[in-house]
């Protein structure tokens, strides 16, 4: 029963992030935010099961996930800001012009 208390919020956030990626795929900032929500759900899983198993490895792994997601958000937002300054649009369909 206690495993479900860890999994239910994590599954809810993961599905919310997937919904955000597939439903709001026109805006680059919405997709970036949805990826952050997915990484947060993974981090909740690591911390929850680390507490249930009384082991610190999951909590240390969670710190790595949060650090990576912060770096990804900073670099992703920098790219989005530069793209908006050059093109004036944040739509992902307009970003196809960046190919080759």
C-alpha atoms as a PDB file:
ATOM      1  CA  UNK A   1       0.000   0.000   0.000  1.00  0.00           C
ATOM      2  CA  UNK A   2       2.809   2.434   0.784  1.00  0.00           C
ATOM      3  CA  UNK A   3       4.276   1.906  -2.682  1.00  0.00           C
ATOM      4  CA  UNK A   4       1.100   3.328  -4.158  1.00  0.00           C
ATOM      5  CA  UNK A   5       1.478   6.493  -2.093  1.00  0.00           C
ATOM      6  CA  UNK A   6       4.777   7.064  -3.870  1.00  0.00           C
ATOM      7  CA  UNK A   7       3.679   6.033  -7.344  1.00  0.00           C
ATOM      8  CA  UNK A   8       0.340   7.837  -7.663  1.00  0.00           C
ATOM      9  CA  UNK A   9       1.661  11.444  -7.552  1.00  0.00           C
ATOM     10  CA  UNK A  10       4.596  10.472  -9.742  1.00  0.00           C
ATOM     11  CA  UNK A  11       2.382   8.815 -12.348  1.00  0.00           C
ATOM     12  CA  UNK A  12       0.033  11.799 -12.269  1.00  0.00           C
ATOM     13  CA  UNK A  13       2.874  14.268 -12.902  1.00  0.00           C
ATOM     14  CA  UNK A  14       4.394  12.060 -15.597  1.00  0.00           C
ATOM     15  CA  UNK A  15       1.070  11.843 -17.457  1.00  0.00           C
ATOM     16  CA  UNK A  16       0.585  15.592 -17.044  1.00  0.00           C
ATOM     17  CA  UNK A  17       4.000  16.171 -18.624  1.00  0.00           C
ATOM     18  CA  UNK A  18       3.269  13.817 -21.517  1.00  0.00           C
ATOM     19  CA  UNK A  19      -0.076  15.502 -22.067  1.00  0.00           C
ATOM     20  CA  UNK A  20       1.669  18.862 -22.114  1.00  0.00           C
ATOM     21  CA  UNK A  21       4.185  17.707 -24.713  1.00  0.00           C
ATOM     22  CA  UNK A  22       1.659  16.152 -27.062  1.00  0.00           C
ATOM     23  CA  UNK A  23      -1.174  18.635 -26.579  1.00  0.00           C
ATOM     24  CA  UNK A  24       0.788  21.904 -26.405  1.00  0.00           C
ATOM     25  CA  UNK A  25       3.440  21.044 -28.943  1.00  0.00           C
ATOM     26  CA  UNK A  26       3.075  24.374 -30.750  1.00  0.00           C
ATOM     27  CA  UNK A  27       4.843  26.464 -28.112  1.00  0.00           C
ATOM     28  CA  UNK A  28       8.488  25.812 -27.246  1.00  0.00           C
ATOM     29  CA  UNK A  29       8.221  27.072 -23.665  1.00  0.00           C
ATOM     30  CA  UNK A  30       5.270  24.755 -22.946  1.00  0.00           C
ATOM     31  CA  UNK A  31       7.253  21.773 -24.198  1.00  0.00           C
ATOM     32  CA  UNK A  32      10.254  22.759 -22.068  1.00  0.00           C
ATOM     33  CA  UNK A  33       8.026  23.118 -19.007  1.00  0.00           C
ATOM     34  CA  UNK A  34       6.452  19.710 -19.681  1.00  0.00           C
ATOM     35  CA  UNK A  35       9.887  18.099 -19.837  1.00  0.00           C
ATOM     36  CA  UNK A  36      10.686  19.667 -16.464  1.00  0.00           C
ATOM     37  CA  UNK A  37       7.481  18.181 -15.011  1.00  0.00           C
ATOM     38  CA  UNK A  38       8.458  14.732 -16.296  1.00  0.00           C
ATOM     39  CA  UNK A  39      11.903  15.016 -14.713  1.00  0.00           C
ATOM     40  CA  UNK A  40      10.276  16.120 -11.458  1.00  0.00           C
ATOM     41  CA  UNK A  41       8.100  13.005 -11.444  1.00  0.00           C
ATOM     42  CA  UNK A  42      11.191  10.838 -11.902  1.00  0.00           C
ATOM     43  CA  UNK A  43      12.837  12.638  -9.008  1.00  0.00           C
ATOM     44  CA  UNK A  44       9.786  12.033  -6.799  1.00  0.00           C
ATOM     45  CA  UNK A  45      10.019   8.342  -7.631  1.00  0.00           C
ATOM     46  CA  UNK A  46      13.687   8.221  -6.667  1.00  0.00           C
ATOM     47  CA  UNK A  47      13.134   9.988  -3.343  1.00  0.00           C
ATOM     48  CA  UNK A  48      10.007   8.031  -2.467  1.00  0.00           C
ATOM     49  CA  UNK A  49      11.500   4.629  -3.092  1.00  0.00           C
ATOM     50  CA  UNK A  50      14.718   5.677  -1.407  1.00  0.00           C
ATOM     51  CA  UNK A  51      12.751   6.428   1.750  1.00  0.00           C
ATOM     52  CA  UNK A  52      10.785   3.185   1.479  1.00  0.00           C
ATOM     53  CA  UNK A  53      13.921   1.097   1.023  1.00  0.00           C
ATOM     54  CA  UNK A  54      15.884   3.129   3.604  1.00  0.00           C
ATOM     55  CA  UNK A  55      18.724   3.753   1.174  1.00  0.00           C
ATOM     56  CA  UNK A  56      20.343   7.066   0.211  1.00  0.00           C
ATOM     57  CA  UNK A  57      21.182   6.141  -3.372  1.00  0.00           C
ATOM     58  CA  UNK A  58      17.820   7.281  -4.719  1.00  0.00           C
ATOM     59  CA  UNK A  59      18.100  10.663  -3.025  1.00  0.00           C
ATOM     60  CA  UNK A  60      21.585  11.206  -4.426  1.00  0.00           C
ATOM     61  CA  UNK A  61      20.345  10.207  -7.867  1.00  0.00           C
ATOM     62  CA  UNK A  62      17.477  12.656  -7.439  1.00  0.00           C
ATOM     63  CA  UNK A  63      19.965  15.478  -6.876  1.00  0.00           C
ATOM     64  CA  UNK A  64      21.683  14.558 -10.143  1.00  0.00           C
ATOM     65  CA  UNK A  65      18.338  14.569 -11.959  1.00  0.00           C
ATOM     66  CA  UNK A  66      17.422  17.990 -10.542  1.00  0.00           C
ATOM     67  CA  UNK A  67      20.855  19.398 -11.409  1.00  0.00           C
ATOM     68  CA  UNK A  68      20.588  18.096 -14.950  1.00  0.00           C
ATOM     69  CA  UNK A  69      17.077  19.480 -15.352  1.00  0.00           C
ATOM     70  CA  UNK A  70      18.188  22.910 -14.103  1.00  0.00           C
ATOM     71  CA  UNK A  71      21.041  22.962 -16.605  1.00  0.00           C
ATOM     72  CA  UNK A  72      18.706  21.802 -19.360  1.00  0.00           C
ATOM     73  CA  UNK A  73      16.226  24.539 -18.507  1.00  0.00           C
ATOM     74  CA  UNK A  74      18.887  27.251 -18.514  1.00  0.00           C
ATOM     75  CA  UNK A  75      20.355  26.188 -21.857  1.00  0.00           C
ATOM     76  CA  UNK A  76      16.925  25.572 -23.384  1.00  0.00           C
ATOM     77  CA  UNK A  77      15.626  28.989 -22.320  1.00  0.00           C
ATOM     78  CA  UNK A  78      18.762  30.666 -23.671  1.00  0.00           C
ATOM     79  CA  UNK A  79      18.249  28.989 -27.036  1.00  0.00           C
ATOM     80  CA  UNK A  80      14.565  29.935 -27.058  1.00  0.00           C
ATOM     81  CA  UNK A  81      15.331  33.589 -26.213  1.00  0.00           C
ATOM     82  CA  UNK A  82      17.933  33.806 -28.984  1.00  0.00           C
ATOM     83  CA  UNK A  83      15.558  32.197 -31.444  1.00  0.00           C
ATOM     84  CA  UNK A  84      12.776  34.614 -30.479  1.00  0.00           C
ATOM     85  CA  UNK A  85      15.105  37.596 -30.924  1.00  0.00           C
ATOM     86  CA  UNK A  86      16.086  36.437 -34.413  1.00  0.00           C
ATOM     87  CA  UNK A  87      12.742  35.133 -35.702  1.00  0.00           C
ATOM     88  CA  UNK A  88      10.069  36.726 -33.492  1.00  0.00           C
ATOM     89  CA  UNK A  89       8.180  33.469 -32.976  1.00  0.00           C
ATOM     90  CA  UNK A  90       8.140  30.651 -30.446  1.00  0.00           C
ATOM     91  CA  UNK A  91       6.164  28.147 -32.493  1.00  0.00           C
ATOM     92  CA  UNK A  92       7.857  24.805 -32.996  1.00  0.00           C
ATOM     93  CA  UNK A  93       6.484  24.554 -36.517  1.00  0.00           C
ATOM     94  CA  UNK A  94       8.541  27.634 -37.442  1.00  0.00           C
ATOM     95  CA  UNK A  95      11.695  26.030 -36.045  1.00  0.00           C
ATOM     96  CA  UNK A  96      11.804  23.583 -38.960  1.00  0.00           C
ATOM     97  CA  UNK A  97      13.648  26.316 -40.857  1.00  0.00           C
ATOM     98  CA  UNK A  98      16.720  25.655 -38.701  1.00  0.00           C
ATOM     99  CA  UNK A  99      17.413  22.351 -40.470  1.00  0.00           C
ATOM    100  CA  UNK A 100      20.531  21.982 -42.587  1.00  0.00           C
END
